[in-house]
Amino acid sequence: HSVYVAGMRELARQVSVGCGERGHLLSAIFSSMEALKEKMFSVKQVKLQGLESELRNLRDEQKEMRKQLEQMGVVEAALASKTNELQRLQASKEKLVSMVKS
């Protein structure tokens, strides 16, 4: 970057020797370009920080969703076990009812 700046300054100086107005214009253009570049870099940094923050939030959300999914799996397994137990008890009840009727 500093080589580029030094080169542009030297170019503007040399142009100024031939025509002061052109040299001044070249310096103004270069200064505007540098200011724009700095502004763009600043905007990029702000966007990057925002994206990094969003990524952290999404990762936290993903962890929470994985925990919830794991908990749902535990609940689902417990429900399946209770369903099997209920079916077994229902079958026993039906067997007892049929024994009583006979």
Protein backbone atom coordinates (compact mmCIF):
# COMPACT_ATOMS: atom_id res chain seq x y z
CA HIS A 1 0.00 0.00 0.00
CA SER A 2 2.72 2.51 0.92
CA VAL A 3 4.54 1.85 -2.37
CA TYR A 4 1.31 2.62 -4.21
CA VAL A 5 0.82 5.85 -2.23
CA ALA A 6 4.41 6.92 -2.81
CA GLY A 7 4.09 6.16 -6.52
CA MET A 8 0.89 8.18 -6.85
CA ARG A 9 2.39 11.12 -4.99
CA GLU A 10 5.46 11.06 -7.19
CA LEU A 11 3.31 10.85 -10.30
CA ALA A 12 1.23 13.83 -9.14
CA ARG A 13 4.44 15.75 -8.37
CA GLN A 14 5.87 15.05 -11.81
CA VAL A 15 2.61 16.01 -13.53
CA SER A 16 2.56 19.23 -11.45
CA VAL A 17 5.95 20.18 -12.88
CA GLY A 18 4.43 20.23 -16.38
CA CYS A 19 1.03 21.62 -15.36
CA GLY A 20 0.16 22.58 -11.80
CA GLU A 21 -3.60 22.28 -12.33
CA ARG A 22 -3.33 18.74 -13.70
CA GLY A 23 -1.05 17.73 -10.86
CA HIS A 24 -3.47 19.18 -8.32
CA LEU A 25 -6.40 17.41 -10.03
CA LEU A 26 -4.48 14.12 -10.03
CA SER A 27 -3.75 14.54 -6.30
CA ALA A 28 -7.42 15.31 -5.62
CA ILE A 29 -8.53 12.23 -7.56
CA PHE A 30 -6.02 10.09 -5.69
CA SER A 31 -7.17 11.50 -2.33
CA SER A 32 -10.80 10.81 -3.22
CA MET A 33 -9.94 7.26 -4.24
CA GLU A 34 -8.10 6.70 -0.96
CA ALA A 35 -11.02 8.12 1.05
CA LEU A 36 -13.46 5.91 -0.86
CA LYS A 37 -11.25 2.88 -0.31
CA GLU A 38 -11.09 3.59 3.43
CA LYS A 39 -14.87 4.07 3.57
CA MET A 40 -15.44 0.79 1.71
CA PHE A 41 -13.06 -0.99 4.06
CA SER A 42 -14.90 0.46 7.05
CA VAL A 43 -18.28 -0.62 5.65
CA LYS A 44 -16.87 -4.07 4.97
CA GLN A 45 -15.63 -4.34 8.56
CA VAL A 46 -19.05 -3.37 9.93
CA LYS A 47 -20.77 -5.91 7.67
CA LEU A 48 -18.24 -8.56 8.65
CA GLN A 49 -18.84 -7.92 12.34
CA GLY A 50 -22.58 -8.14 11.77
CA LEU A 51 -22.22 -11.42 9.90
CA GLU A 52 -19.94 -12.84 12.58
CA SER A 53 -22.49 -11.89 15.23
CA GLU A 54 -25.29 -13.45 13.20
CA LEU A 55 -23.22 -16.61 12.74
CA ARG A 56 -22.64 -16.85 16.51
CA ASN A 57 -26.37 -16.42 17.11
CA LEU A 58 -27.23 -19.08 14.53
CA ARG A 59 -24.73 -21.51 16.06
CA ASP A 60 -26.22 -20.91 19.51
CA GLU A 61 -29.69 -21.46 18.06
CA GLN A 62 -28.48 -24.64 16.37
CA LYS A 63 -27.11 -25.96 19.69
CA GLU A 64 -30.41 -25.21 21.41
CA MET A 65 -32.37 -26.94 18.63
CA ARG A 66 -30.12 -30.00 18.86
CA LYS A 67 -30.76 -30.15 22.62
CA GLN A 68 -34.50 -29.89 22.01
CA LEU A 69 -34.31 -32.60 19.36
CA GLU A 70 -32.41 -34.84 21.75
CA GLN A 71 -35.03 -34.20 24.47
CA MET A 72 -37.79 -34.97 21.99
CA GLY A 73 -36.07 -38.28 21.22
CA VAL A 74 -36.05 -39.13 24.93
CA VAL A 75 -39.75 -38.21 25.24
CA GLU A 76 -40.57 -40.20 22.11
CA ALA A 77 -38.79 -43.27 23.51
CA ALA A 78 -40.65 -42.90 26.82
CA LEU A 79 -43.97 -42.59 24.97
CA ALA A 80 -43.20 -45.67 22.90
CA SER A 81 -42.41 -47.59 26.08
CA LYS A 82 -45.64 -46.41 27.73
CA THR A 83 -47.60 -47.29 24.58
CA ASN A 84 -46.16 -50.81 24.62
CA GLU A 85 -46.98 -51.14 28.32
CA LEU A 86 -50.51 -49.86 27.71
CA GLN A 87 -51.00 -52.33 24.85
CA ARG A 88 -49.76 -55.16 27.06
CA LEU A 89 -52.12 -54.12 29.87
CA GLN A 90 -55.00 -53.81 27.39
CA ALA A 91 -54.29 -57.31 26.13
CA SER A 92 -54.18 -58.63 29.72
CA LYS A 93 -57.48 -56.88 30.49
CA GLU A 94 -59.12 -58.37 27.41
CA LYS A 95 -57.81 -61.81 28.37
CA LEU A 96 -59.20 -61.43 31.91
CA VAL A 97 -62.56 -60.20 30.59
CA SER A 98 -62.81 -63.17 28.24
CA MET A 99 -61.89 -65.55 31.09
CA VAL A 100 -64.57 -64.03 33.33
CA LYS A 101 -67.20 -64.31 30.57
CA SER A 102 -66.46 -67.97 29.96
